[in-house]
Structures are given as C-alpha cells and as structure tokens.
C-alpha cells in the first residue's frame, strides 16, 4: 500500500478527473481518492446538492469507511471549502471516525478573506459563464457551445452557490495543520492565502508554485512532490510529539510501495 492517502475535492465545475495527472505522478507514494460531489462527474445522474447542511454530513457518511486509517484532505479552489467543512464535520463526530492529519487548501483565499461583489449563482446560464470567463475560470471555447453551457450549468450553479454561501466557523480546527498552496501569478488569490492561518490552531505553512490559478494542471509533479514533502514532515513531527502515526499501510519490506493510481468516489 502507498505511504499516504489523500482525499481530493475539485474546483467549481470540475470533477474527479482533474486529479488524474497528480495521481499518476504519485502512484508509488500516495493513493489519491478523488471525490465527485452529488450531481457532478461520475455522479452526474444524481440531483445536485447545493446546501452545506446536506452536503457535508453526506460526504462524511459516504467516506467514513475509507477514513479508518489516517489520511489528508485536499481541496482545489472552491473544493478547499468542501475539505475544510468536512474536516469540521469529522471533528464534531469526535472518535467515531479518524480525523485528517493535514488539510491542503489550494488556489483559494482563506475563507475570511473571500468577498463576493456579485453572486454568480443567481445569474442566468450564459451570463454566469461569461462572468466566470472574465475571471479566468473557464475557456472561451465553452461559451461558443450553447449545448455545453446547458449541460454544465446545473453542476456549476450548485458549486457556485456552495462557494458563495459558505460561512466561516468561529473557532479554528483543532489538531489539523493547514497548508495553503497558491500560484505566484494567481490574481484571484493574491496575498489572501495567508488568511488560511485563522482556520487552524495546529500549524500553518504556505507554498508558492509557478503559474496561475490552475497550477495543478501546469505542473502536477511539483504539486505532488510538495504534498509528499509536507506530509512526511507532519509524520515526523507527530512521531516526535508521540501522537498517533499519520501514515497508513507503511511499507516495511525492501520492495517499493504500490498503490492504485487513483480511486474515484461516485457511481459510473
């Protein structure tokens, strides 16, 4: 088995497939469990869920069995809020399920630094996608295909509603360190990545990557190497503090650890 297990949540309008390159790069070192939300990706036949009060407990129930071993959570852009809210839900469940050893927030300002001058989820389909295009969130090619807009609109609208209605919690996460990853050229984040420090009392670190908002696609290998380095540091620190090990299935033989490159959560 791989040395690390990482649950990954995609950006608004994305699906589990966006993590395939990352999973391929980490195949010898980590198991990537890419999660599709209801109504998205492999779960596109299900009704979209756009309420936090329904989504987060449902995800916790669905993923609990796979969370029996220590693991990390990673969210990309709006997916970082999903990862954060899930970590809070798991903390509320106390000892009923293992808690994450780390949370990786990629390409997003900290929740307390996010502003919504316009609520995109309330716009009609085409204006909604045009606004996203202007923000650099989607390619021009999508706007040239009305059928793609209609097909993509329900999931995108649900993701945007979640993003635009998220309310930061009053108290920080306990015992879950947060790592804020951002692209050096990502104007949507700017220096807002530093606001993630308010979401934890267990340590905060940042990493800058070459590229803009989609540095995941620009260089998945750099992201993967950073994840392994930071998770390894968490393991060493936890062992030094005599906390529960944060590695599952650690390979003790002389042979290399093997893992399925990526597990996708959702029905085909």
Protein backbone atom coordinates (compact mmCIF):
# COMPACT_ATOMS: atom_id res chain seq x y z
CA UNK A 1 0.00 0.00 0.00
CA UNK A 2 1.01 3.60 -0.52
CA UNK A 3 2.55 5.60 2.30
CA UNK A 4 -0.13 8.30 2.15
CA UNK A 5 -3.83 8.56 1.37
CA UNK A 6 -5.20 11.90 0.15
CA UNK A 7 -8.89 12.71 -0.39
CA UNK A 8 -9.18 15.35 -3.14
CA UNK A 9 -12.07 17.72 -3.88
CA UNK A 10 -12.20 19.55 -7.25
CA UNK A 11 -12.76 23.18 -8.15
CA UNK A 12 -16.20 24.55 -9.11
CA UNK A 13 -17.41 22.90 -12.29
CA UNK A 14 -14.71 20.24 -12.04
CA UNK A 15 -14.82 16.53 -11.32
CA UNK A 16 -12.56 13.78 -10.06
CA UNK A 17 -10.75 13.52 -13.40
CA UNK A 18 -8.83 16.76 -12.73
CA UNK A 19 -6.59 14.84 -10.31
CA UNK A 20 -5.51 12.14 -12.78
CA UNK A 21 -2.13 13.69 -13.54
CA UNK A 22 -1.43 14.14 -9.84
CA UNK A 23 -2.42 10.55 -9.15
CA UNK A 24 -0.19 9.28 -11.93
CA UNK A 25 2.80 11.20 -10.59
CA UNK A 26 2.23 9.91 -7.06
CA UNK A 27 1.36 6.33 -7.90
CA UNK A 28 4.31 4.92 -5.95
CA UNK A 29 3.94 7.24 -2.97
CA UNK A 30 0.30 8.12 -2.35
CA UNK A 31 -3.20 6.92 -3.07
CA UNK A 32 -5.32 9.73 -4.46
CA UNK A 33 -9.01 9.33 -3.64
CA UNK A 34 -10.73 11.84 -5.91
CA UNK A 35 -14.26 12.70 -4.79
CA UNK A 36 -17.16 13.69 -7.01
CA UNK A 37 -19.94 15.62 -5.31
CA UNK A 38 -23.55 14.54 -5.97
CA UNK A 39 -24.62 15.66 -9.44
CA UNK A 40 -21.05 16.08 -10.68
CA UNK A 41 -18.67 13.91 -12.71
CA UNK A 42 -19.35 10.21 -12.23
CA UNK A 43 -22.37 11.14 -10.11
CA UNK A 44 -23.91 13.37 -12.76
CA UNK A 45 -27.16 11.38 -12.81
CA UNK A 46 -27.82 12.29 -9.17
CA UNK A 47 -29.52 15.53 -8.12
CA UNK A 48 -27.02 18.31 -7.37
CA UNK A 49 -26.60 19.19 -3.72
CA UNK A 50 -26.06 22.91 -3.09
CA UNK A 51 -26.68 23.18 0.66
CA UNK A 52 -23.81 22.79 3.14
CA UNK A 53 -26.16 21.35 5.75
CA UNK A 54 -26.87 18.43 3.42
CA UNK A 55 -23.59 18.05 1.56
CA UNK A 56 -21.05 17.82 4.37
CA UNK A 57 -22.77 15.21 6.58
CA UNK A 58 -23.48 13.18 3.46
CA UNK A 59 -19.84 13.21 2.40
CA UNK A 60 -18.77 12.25 5.91
CA UNK A 61 -21.15 9.29 5.86
CA UNK A 62 -20.04 8.17 2.40
CA UNK A 63 -16.31 8.44 3.08
CA UNK A 64 -16.20 7.28 6.72
CA UNK A 65 -15.30 3.70 5.89
CA UNK A 66 -12.26 4.80 3.90
CA UNK A 67 -11.22 7.17 6.70
CA UNK A 68 -10.50 4.45 9.23
CA UNK A 69 -6.81 4.93 8.56
CA UNK A 70 -5.04 8.32 8.90
CA UNK A 71 -5.31 10.48 5.82
CA UNK A 72 -5.14 14.05 4.48
CA UNK A 73 -7.73 16.27 2.79
CA UNK A 74 -7.00 18.42 -0.26
CA UNK A 75 -9.34 20.91 -1.87
CA UNK A 76 -8.66 22.85 -5.04
CA UNK A 77 -10.11 26.37 -5.26
CA UNK A 78 -13.78 26.11 -4.15
CA UNK A 79 -13.05 22.49 -3.25
CA UNK A 80 -10.89 23.77 -0.39
CA UNK A 81 -14.06 24.92 1.37
CA UNK A 82 -15.50 21.43 0.96
CA UNK A 83 -12.37 19.93 2.51
CA UNK A 84 -12.46 22.43 5.37
CA UNK A 85 -16.14 21.92 6.14
CA UNK A 86 -15.65 18.15 6.01
CA UNK A 87 -12.78 18.40 8.49
CA UNK A 88 -15.07 20.35 10.83
CA UNK A 89 -17.86 17.79 10.45
CA UNK A 90 -15.44 14.96 11.27
CA UNK A 91 -14.26 16.85 14.35
CA UNK A 92 -17.87 17.13 15.52
CA UNK A 93 -18.17 13.36 15.24
CA UNK A 94 -15.23 13.04 17.61
CA UNK A 95 -13.88 9.48 17.87
CA UNK A 96 -16.45 7.92 15.54
CA UNK A 97 -14.08 8.39 12.59
CA UNK A 98 -10.37 9.12 12.28
CA UNK A 99 -9.51 12.79 11.84
CA UNK A 100 -7.30 14.08 8.98
CA UNK A 101 -3.62 14.55 9.69
CA UNK A 102 -3.47 17.65 7.44
CA UNK A 103 -5.58 19.88 5.22
CA UNK A 104 -4.23 21.26 1.93
CA UNK A 105 -6.04 24.35 0.61
CA UNK A 106 -5.03 25.06 -2.99
CA UNK A 107 -5.67 28.14 -5.15
CA UNK A 108 -8.09 29.89 -2.80
CA UNK A 109 -8.09 32.76 -0.35
CA UNK A 110 -8.73 31.88 3.25
CA UNK A 111 -12.49 31.87 3.96
CA UNK A 112 -12.32 35.10 5.98
CA UNK A 113 -10.67 36.90 3.06
CA UNK A 114 -13.21 35.85 0.41
CA UNK A 115 -15.54 38.53 -0.93
CA UNK A 116 -18.48 38.18 -3.31
CA UNK A 117 -19.18 41.50 -5.06
CA UNK A 118 -21.60 39.62 -7.33
CA UNK A 119 -23.48 36.38 -6.60
CA UNK A 120 -22.84 34.44 -9.79
CA UNK A 121 -25.10 31.53 -8.89
CA UNK A 122 -28.12 33.86 -9.20
CA UNK A 123 -27.36 34.77 -12.84
CA UNK A 124 -28.87 33.13 -15.90
CA UNK A 125 -26.76 30.42 -17.50
CA UNK A 126 -24.88 32.39 -20.15
CA UNK A 127 -24.19 35.49 -18.00
CA UNK A 128 -22.98 33.16 -15.26
CA UNK A 129 -20.47 31.52 -17.58
CA UNK A 130 -19.45 34.85 -19.10
CA UNK A 131 -18.66 36.16 -15.63
CA UNK A 132 -16.61 33.05 -14.94
CA UNK A 133 -14.77 33.56 -18.25
CA UNK A 134 -13.93 37.11 -17.27
CA UNK A 135 -12.49 35.81 -14.00
CA UNK A 136 -10.31 33.34 -15.91
CA UNK A 137 -12.26 30.36 -14.64
CA UNK A 138 -13.38 28.82 -17.94
CA UNK A 139 -12.12 28.83 -21.56
CA UNK A 140 -13.74 30.84 -24.35
CA UNK A 141 -14.45 27.59 -26.20
CA UNK A 142 -17.17 26.64 -23.73
CA UNK A 143 -19.09 29.86 -24.41
CA UNK A 144 -19.05 29.03 -28.12
CA UNK A 145 -21.00 25.83 -27.45
CA UNK A 146 -24.52 26.54 -26.12
CA UNK A 147 -25.16 22.84 -25.60
CA UNK A 148 -22.16 22.61 -23.27
CA UNK A 149 -23.40 25.57 -21.29
CA UNK A 150 -26.78 23.91 -20.75
CA UNK A 151 -25.15 20.62 -19.86
CA UNK A 152 -22.69 22.16 -17.40
CA UNK A 153 -24.94 24.78 -15.82
CA UNK A 154 -26.66 22.74 -13.05
CA UNK A 155 -23.42 21.47 -11.51
CA UNK A 156 -21.64 24.80 -11.92
CA UNK A 157 -24.54 26.69 -10.35
CA UNK A 158 -24.63 24.27 -7.42
CA UNK A 159 -20.88 24.64 -6.88
CA UNK A 160 -21.08 28.42 -7.04
CA UNK A 161 -23.97 28.51 -4.59
CA UNK A 162 -21.94 26.46 -2.13
CA UNK A 163 -18.95 28.74 -2.63
CA UNK A 164 -20.94 31.95 -2.31
CA UNK A 165 -22.94 30.89 0.76
CA UNK A 166 -20.09 29.46 2.85
CA UNK A 167 -19.86 30.97 6.33
CA UNK A 168 -16.53 30.68 8.20
CA UNK A 169 -16.72 28.98 11.59
CA UNK A 170 -15.92 30.96 14.70
CA UNK A 171 -13.35 28.51 16.08
CA UNK A 172 -10.27 27.14 14.27
CA UNK A 173 -9.67 23.47 13.56
CA UNK A 174 -8.07 21.63 16.45
CA UNK A 175 -5.00 19.47 15.79
CA UNK A 176 -5.22 19.67 11.98
CA UNK A 177 -2.40 21.68 10.38
CA UNK A 178 -3.29 23.67 7.28
CA UNK A 179 -1.10 24.10 4.20
CA UNK A 180 -2.04 26.91 1.78
CA UNK A 181 -0.76 26.32 -1.77
CA UNK A 182 -1.07 29.08 -4.36
CA UNK A 183 0.14 30.10 -7.82
CA UNK A 184 2.50 33.07 -7.94
CA UNK A 185 0.51 34.59 -10.82
CA UNK A 186 -2.96 33.89 -9.41
CA UNK A 187 -4.58 37.32 -9.08
CA UNK A 188 -7.76 35.78 -7.65
CA UNK A 189 -5.80 34.74 -4.56
CA UNK A 190 -3.18 37.50 -4.20
CA UNK A 191 -1.97 37.51 -0.61
CA UNK A 192 -5.30 36.10 0.60
CA UNK A 193 -3.72 32.68 1.04
CA UNK A 194 -2.37 33.90 4.38
CA UNK A 195 -5.91 34.07 5.78
CA UNK A 196 -5.94 30.26 6.00
CA UNK A 197 -3.86 30.60 9.15
CA UNK A 198 -7.04 31.57 11.01
CA UNK A 199 -8.60 28.16 10.30
CA UNK A 200 -6.27 26.08 12.49
CA UNK A 201 -4.53 26.07 15.84
CA UNK A 202 -2.16 23.27 14.82
CA UNK A 203 0.33 24.93 12.50
CA UNK A 204 0.18 26.79 9.20
CA UNK A 205 2.51 26.77 6.20
CA UNK A 206 2.39 28.11 2.65
CA UNK A 207 3.92 27.13 -0.68
CA UNK A 208 4.06 29.12 -3.91
CA UNK A 209 4.03 27.42 -7.31
CA UNK A 210 4.88 28.69 -10.76
CA UNK A 211 1.76 29.54 -12.72
CA UNK A 212 -1.65 30.98 -12.07
CA UNK A 213 -4.92 29.68 -10.73
CA UNK A 214 -4.59 26.30 -12.44
CA UNK A 215 -1.08 25.39 -11.29
CA UNK A 216 -2.46 21.89 -10.71
CA UNK A 217 -2.54 21.44 -14.49
CA UNK A 218 0.59 23.50 -15.18
CA UNK A 219 2.86 21.19 -13.16
CA UNK A 220 1.19 18.32 -11.30
CA UNK A 221 4.60 16.85 -10.45
CA UNK A 222 5.63 19.94 -8.47
CA UNK A 223 2.36 19.80 -6.54
CA UNK A 224 2.78 16.11 -5.87
CA UNK A 225 6.34 16.45 -4.63
CA UNK A 226 5.29 19.26 -2.29
CA UNK A 227 2.47 17.15 -0.88
CA UNK A 228 4.80 14.28 -0.10
CA UNK A 229 7.38 16.57 1.49
CA UNK A 230 4.82 18.28 3.71
CA UNK A 231 3.04 15.06 4.68
CA UNK A 232 6.36 13.48 5.57
CA UNK A 233 7.14 16.45 7.80
CA UNK A 234 3.78 16.03 9.52
CA UNK A 235 4.55 12.37 10.17
CA UNK A 236 7.96 13.17 11.66
CA UNK A 237 6.52 15.94 13.83
CA UNK A 238 3.66 13.78 15.10
CA UNK A 239 6.01 10.96 15.98
CA UNK A 240 8.27 13.35 17.83
CA UNK A 241 5.25 14.55 19.78
CA UNK A 242 4.17 10.95 20.41
CA UNK A 243 0.93 11.41 18.55
CA UNK A 244 -0.79 8.68 16.57
CA UNK A 245 1.19 7.94 13.37
CA UNK A 246 -0.22 9.69 10.34
CA UNK A 247 0.81 7.09 7.79
CA UNK A 248 -1.28 4.07 6.88
CA UNK A 249 -0.05 0.82 5.36
CA UNK A 250 3.60 1.89 5.64
CA UNK A 251 5.85 -0.40 3.60
CA UNK A 252 8.39 -2.24 5.76
CA UNK A 253 9.85 -4.62 3.20
CA UNK A 254 12.66 -3.81 0.82
CA UNK A 255 10.29 -3.62 -2.13
CA UNK A 256 8.58 -0.41 -3.24
CA UNK A 257 5.12 0.54 -2.05
CA UNK A 258 2.41 0.05 -4.66
CA UNK A 259 -0.96 1.71 -4.98
CA UNK A 260 -3.76 2.09 -7.44
CA UNK A 261 -3.05 5.49 -9.04
CA UNK A 262 -6.46 6.96 -8.21
CA UNK A 263 -9.72 5.91 -6.63
CA UNK A 264 -12.78 7.82 -7.78
CA UNK A 265 -15.70 8.16 -5.38
CA UNK A 266 -19.01 8.02 -7.24
CA UNK A 267 -21.07 5.78 -9.44
CA UNK A 268 -20.03 5.27 -13.05
